[in-house]
Protein backbone atom coordinates (compact mmCIF):
# COMPACT_ATOMS: atom_id res chain seq x y z
CA UNK A 1 6.67 -17.28 1.34
CA UNK A 2 5.80 -20.97 1.09
CA UNK A 3 2.61 -22.88 1.85
CA UNK A 4 4.08 -23.87 5.23
CA UNK A 5 4.34 -20.23 6.30
CA UNK A 6 2.54 -19.87 9.67
CA UNK A 7 0.94 -16.58 8.58
CA UNK A 8 -0.73 -18.27 5.61
CA UNK A 9 -1.92 -21.15 7.81
CA UNK A 10 -3.19 -18.67 10.40
CA UNK A 11 -5.06 -16.75 7.68
CA UNK A 12 -6.70 -19.89 6.29
CA UNK A 13 -7.62 -20.98 9.84
CA UNK A 14 -9.25 -17.58 10.32
CA UNK A 15 -11.16 -17.95 7.03
CA UNK A 16 -12.48 -21.38 8.09
CA UNK A 17 -13.57 -20.09 11.52
CA UNK A 18 -15.29 -17.04 10.04
CA UNK A 19 -17.09 -18.92 7.26
CA UNK A 20 -15.04 -17.61 4.31
CA UNK A 21 -13.61 -19.73 1.52
CA UNK A 22 -9.89 -20.36 1.15
CA UNK A 23 -9.25 -19.74 -2.55
CA UNK A 24 -6.18 -19.77 -4.77
CA UNK A 25 -6.77 -16.06 -5.46
CA UNK A 26 -6.68 -15.21 -1.77
CA UNK A 27 -3.55 -17.33 -1.29
CA UNK A 28 -1.80 -15.47 -4.14
CA UNK A 29 -2.80 -12.09 -2.71
CA UNK A 30 -1.66 -13.03 0.81
CA UNK A 31 1.69 -14.34 -0.46
CA UNK A 32 2.27 -11.16 -2.50
CA UNK A 33 1.31 -9.00 0.49
CA UNK A 34 3.78 -10.65 2.86
CA UNK A 35 6.49 -10.88 0.19
CA UNK A 36 6.17 -7.10 -0.35
CA UNK A 37 7.16 -6.63 3.30
CA UNK A 38 6.06 -2.99 3.34
CA UNK A 39 2.98 -0.81 3.63
CA UNK A 40 0.89 -1.25 0.48
CA UNK A 41 -2.45 -0.01 -0.77
CA UNK A 42 -4.95 -2.32 -2.43
CA UNK A 43 -4.14 -0.64 -5.75
CA UNK A 44 -0.39 -1.18 -5.40
CA UNK A 45 -0.85 -4.84 -4.53
CA UNK A 46 -3.34 -5.26 -7.38
CA UNK A 47 -0.83 -3.87 -9.88
CA UNK A 48 1.91 -6.05 -8.41
CA UNK A 49 -0.04 -9.28 -8.98
CA UNK A 50 -1.92 -8.30 -12.15
CA UNK A 51 0.70 -9.81 -14.47
CA UNK A 52 0.58 -13.15 -12.62
CA UNK A 53 -3.20 -13.35 -12.37
CA UNK A 54 -5.11 -10.88 -14.56
CA UNK A 55 -8.39 -12.49 -13.45
CA UNK A 56 -8.04 -11.13 -9.91
CA UNK A 57 -9.94 -7.89 -9.48
CA UNK A 58 -9.14 -4.89 -7.35
CA UNK A 59 -12.19 -5.53 -5.15
CA UNK A 60 -10.90 -9.06 -4.39
CA UNK A 61 -7.52 -7.61 -3.35
CA UNK A 62 -9.23 -5.01 -1.16
CA UNK A 63 -11.49 -7.58 0.52
CA UNK A 64 -8.54 -9.92 1.15
CA UNK A 65 -6.54 -7.12 2.78
CA UNK A 66 -9.52 -6.36 5.02
CA UNK A 67 -9.69 -10.06 5.96
CA UNK A 68 -5.96 -10.01 6.79
CA UNK A 69 -6.66 -7.05 9.05
CA UNK A 70 -9.59 -8.84 10.68
CA UNK A 71 -7.38 -11.92 11.22
CA UNK A 72 -4.82 -9.76 13.06
CA UNK A 73 -2.18 -10.32 10.38
CA UNK A 74 -2.14 -6.76 9.05
CA UNK A 75 -2.81 -3.27 10.28
CA UNK A 76 -4.81 -0.77 8.25
CA UNK A 77 -3.26 2.71 8.28
CA UNK A 78 -3.88 6.09 6.67
CA UNK A 79 -0.87 8.38 6.44
CA UNK A 80 -2.63 11.63 5.56
CA UNK A 81 -3.90 9.94 2.41
CA UNK A 82 -7.40 9.43 1.08
CA UNK A 83 -6.85 5.68 0.81
CA UNK A 84 -5.76 2.96 3.21
CA UNK A 85 -2.43 1.21 3.33
CA UNK A 86 -1.97 -2.16 4.94
CA UNK A 87 1.03 -2.94 7.09
CA UNK A 88 2.23 -6.55 7.33
CA UNK A 89 3.32 -5.85 10.88
CA UNK A 90 0.52 -6.92 13.20
CA UNK A 91 -0.94 -4.41 15.64
CA UNK A 92 0.63 -6.29 18.56
CA UNK A 93 4.09 -5.25 17.30
CA UNK A 94 4.00 -1.48 17.85
CA UNK A 95 6.21 0.74 15.78
CA UNK A 96 6.24 4.31 14.53
CA UNK A 97 6.60 5.87 11.11
CA UNK A 98 8.61 8.53 9.28
CA UNK A 99 6.67 9.61 6.16
CA UNK A 100 8.31 11.54 3.33
CA UNK A 101 5.91 14.17 2.01
CA UNK A 102 7.69 14.33 -1.34
CA UNK A 103 8.30 10.74 -2.48
CA UNK A 104 5.90 8.90 -0.16
CA UNK A 105 8.53 6.66 1.44
CA UNK A 106 7.43 5.21 4.78
CA UNK A 107 10.18 4.22 7.20
CA UNK A 108 9.35 2.27 10.33
CA UNK A 109 11.25 2.93 13.54
CA UNK A 110 11.24 1.97 17.19
CA UNK A 111 12.70 3.80 20.13
CA UNK A 112 12.99 2.12 23.53
CA UNK A 113 12.32 5.38 25.34
CA UNK A 114 9.02 6.22 23.62
CA UNK A 115 6.75 3.81 25.53
CA UNK A 116 8.02 5.24 28.84
CA UNK A 117 7.48 8.80 27.61
CA UNK A 118 3.97 7.93 26.39
CA UNK A 119 3.08 6.42 29.78
CA UNK A 120 4.49 9.41 31.61
CA UNK A 121 2.49 11.90 29.52
CA UNK A 122 -0.71 9.84 29.78
CA UNK A 123 -0.31 9.43 33.56
CA UNK A 124 0.35 13.16 33.97
CA UNK A 125 -2.97 13.96 32.31
CA UNK A 126 -4.89 11.09 33.91
CA UNK A 127 -5.43 9.60 30.48
CA UNK A 128 -5.94 5.90 29.69
CA UNK A 129 -4.28 5.10 26.36
CA UNK A 130 -5.93 2.50 24.10
CA UNK A 131 -3.71 2.97 21.08
CA UNK A 132 -0.78 5.12 20.06
CA UNK A 133 0.39 6.04 16.57
CA UNK A 134 3.39 8.27 16.03
CA UNK A 135 3.79 9.58 12.50
CA UNK A 136 6.51 12.10 11.68
CA UNK A 137 6.08 13.91 8.34
CA UNK A 138 8.93 15.57 6.49
CA UNK A 139 11.59 14.84 3.88
CA UNK A 140 13.56 11.61 3.71
CA UNK A 141 17.33 11.66 3.38
CA UNK A 142 17.19 11.42 -0.44
CA UNK A 143 14.58 14.16 -0.88
CA UNK A 144 16.29 16.47 1.64
CA UNK A 145 19.54 16.54 -0.36
CA UNK A 146 20.23 20.02 -1.75
CA UNK A 147 20.34 18.79 -5.37
CA UNK A 148 16.80 17.37 -5.08
CA UNK A 149 15.42 20.18 -2.95
CA UNK A 150 15.91 22.94 -5.54
CA UNK A 151 12.64 24.25 -6.83
CA UNK A 152 10.70 22.57 -4.02
CA UNK A 153 9.75 23.95 -0.66
CA UNK A 154 11.27 21.88 2.12
CA UNK A 155 8.82 22.15 4.95
CA UNK A 156 5.68 24.13 5.44
CA UNK A 157 2.44 22.41 4.46
CA UNK A 158 2.24 18.66 4.42
CA UNK A 159 2.02 17.38 0.86
CA UNK A 160 -0.36 14.59 -0.11
CA UNK A 161 1.58 11.34 0.00
CA UNK A 162 0.79 9.39 -3.15
CA UNK A 163 2.86 6.32 -3.94
CA UNK A 164 0.83 5.61 -7.10
CA UNK A 165 2.96 8.12 -9.01
CA UNK A 166 5.98 5.88 -8.33
CA UNK A 167 4.20 2.84 -9.64
CA UNK A 168 4.01 1.88 -13.30
CA UNK A 169 0.57 0.82 -14.43
CA UNK A 170 0.41 -2.33 -16.58
CA UNK A 171 -0.98 -1.66 -20.05
CA UNK A 172 -4.02 -3.91 -19.74
CA UNK A 173 -5.02 -3.04 -16.18
CA UNK A 174 -8.56 -1.66 -15.86
CA UNK A 175 -9.13 1.79 -14.40
CA UNK A 176 -8.67 2.16 -10.65
CA UNK A 177 -11.55 2.68 -8.26
CA UNK A 178 -11.90 4.91 -5.24
CA UNK A 179 -11.94 3.34 -1.78
CA UNK A 180 -15.58 4.38 -1.36
CA UNK A 181 -16.52 2.49 -4.53
CA UNK A 182 -14.55 -0.53 -3.34
CA UNK A 183 -16.36 -0.54 -0.01
CA UNK A 184 -19.74 -0.33 -1.78
CA UNK A 185 -18.82 -3.25 -4.01
CA UNK A 186 -17.50 -5.25 -1.07
CA UNK A 187 -20.86 -5.07 0.74
CA UNK A 188 -23.47 -7.66 -0.17
CA UNK A 189 -26.44 -6.27 -2.10
CA UNK A 190 -29.09 -4.67 0.11
CA UNK A 191 -26.74 -3.97 3.04
CA UNK A 192 -26.33 -0.30 3.86
CA UNK A 193 -23.15 1.16 5.33
CA UNK A 194 -23.30 1.37 9.13
């Protein structure tokens, strides 16, 4: 992603309109987010950029992802997890997800027939749809192979999806924080949660 990327320009335009500063740290985080091209948590993105900029904190990454969401450049999602993931696909580009309950892989998909089916079901129940999210949980192709499935139950309860176990932590990285702690730190002093 280069400085001429329209998403980066759109983000900095949003920052200017909303009274936020455009900083080098935010630019680095935004570039890394779009270069990742997948659903990432604040922690994953933090670990990805830590080697390039050890001065950037996890709270800064979290706040920047929230600003990307507010700018309409990312979608915040929770896939049965206790923490948020951010999708570089804006909310105006609807898509659905296949989530592997063993390895945490998230595969996006689209089906031309789904919007028609959704409208048909909603109409049949007299329901006005504001938003639709389709998430299918199960085992990906790799995890469903018989050689990998031995010793593991394939099906049944939905396992907690946790991509952090697939991610190597840099030696010097400080301990990770919970999302609740991040939200507390992201609020200005004296402002209670709504």
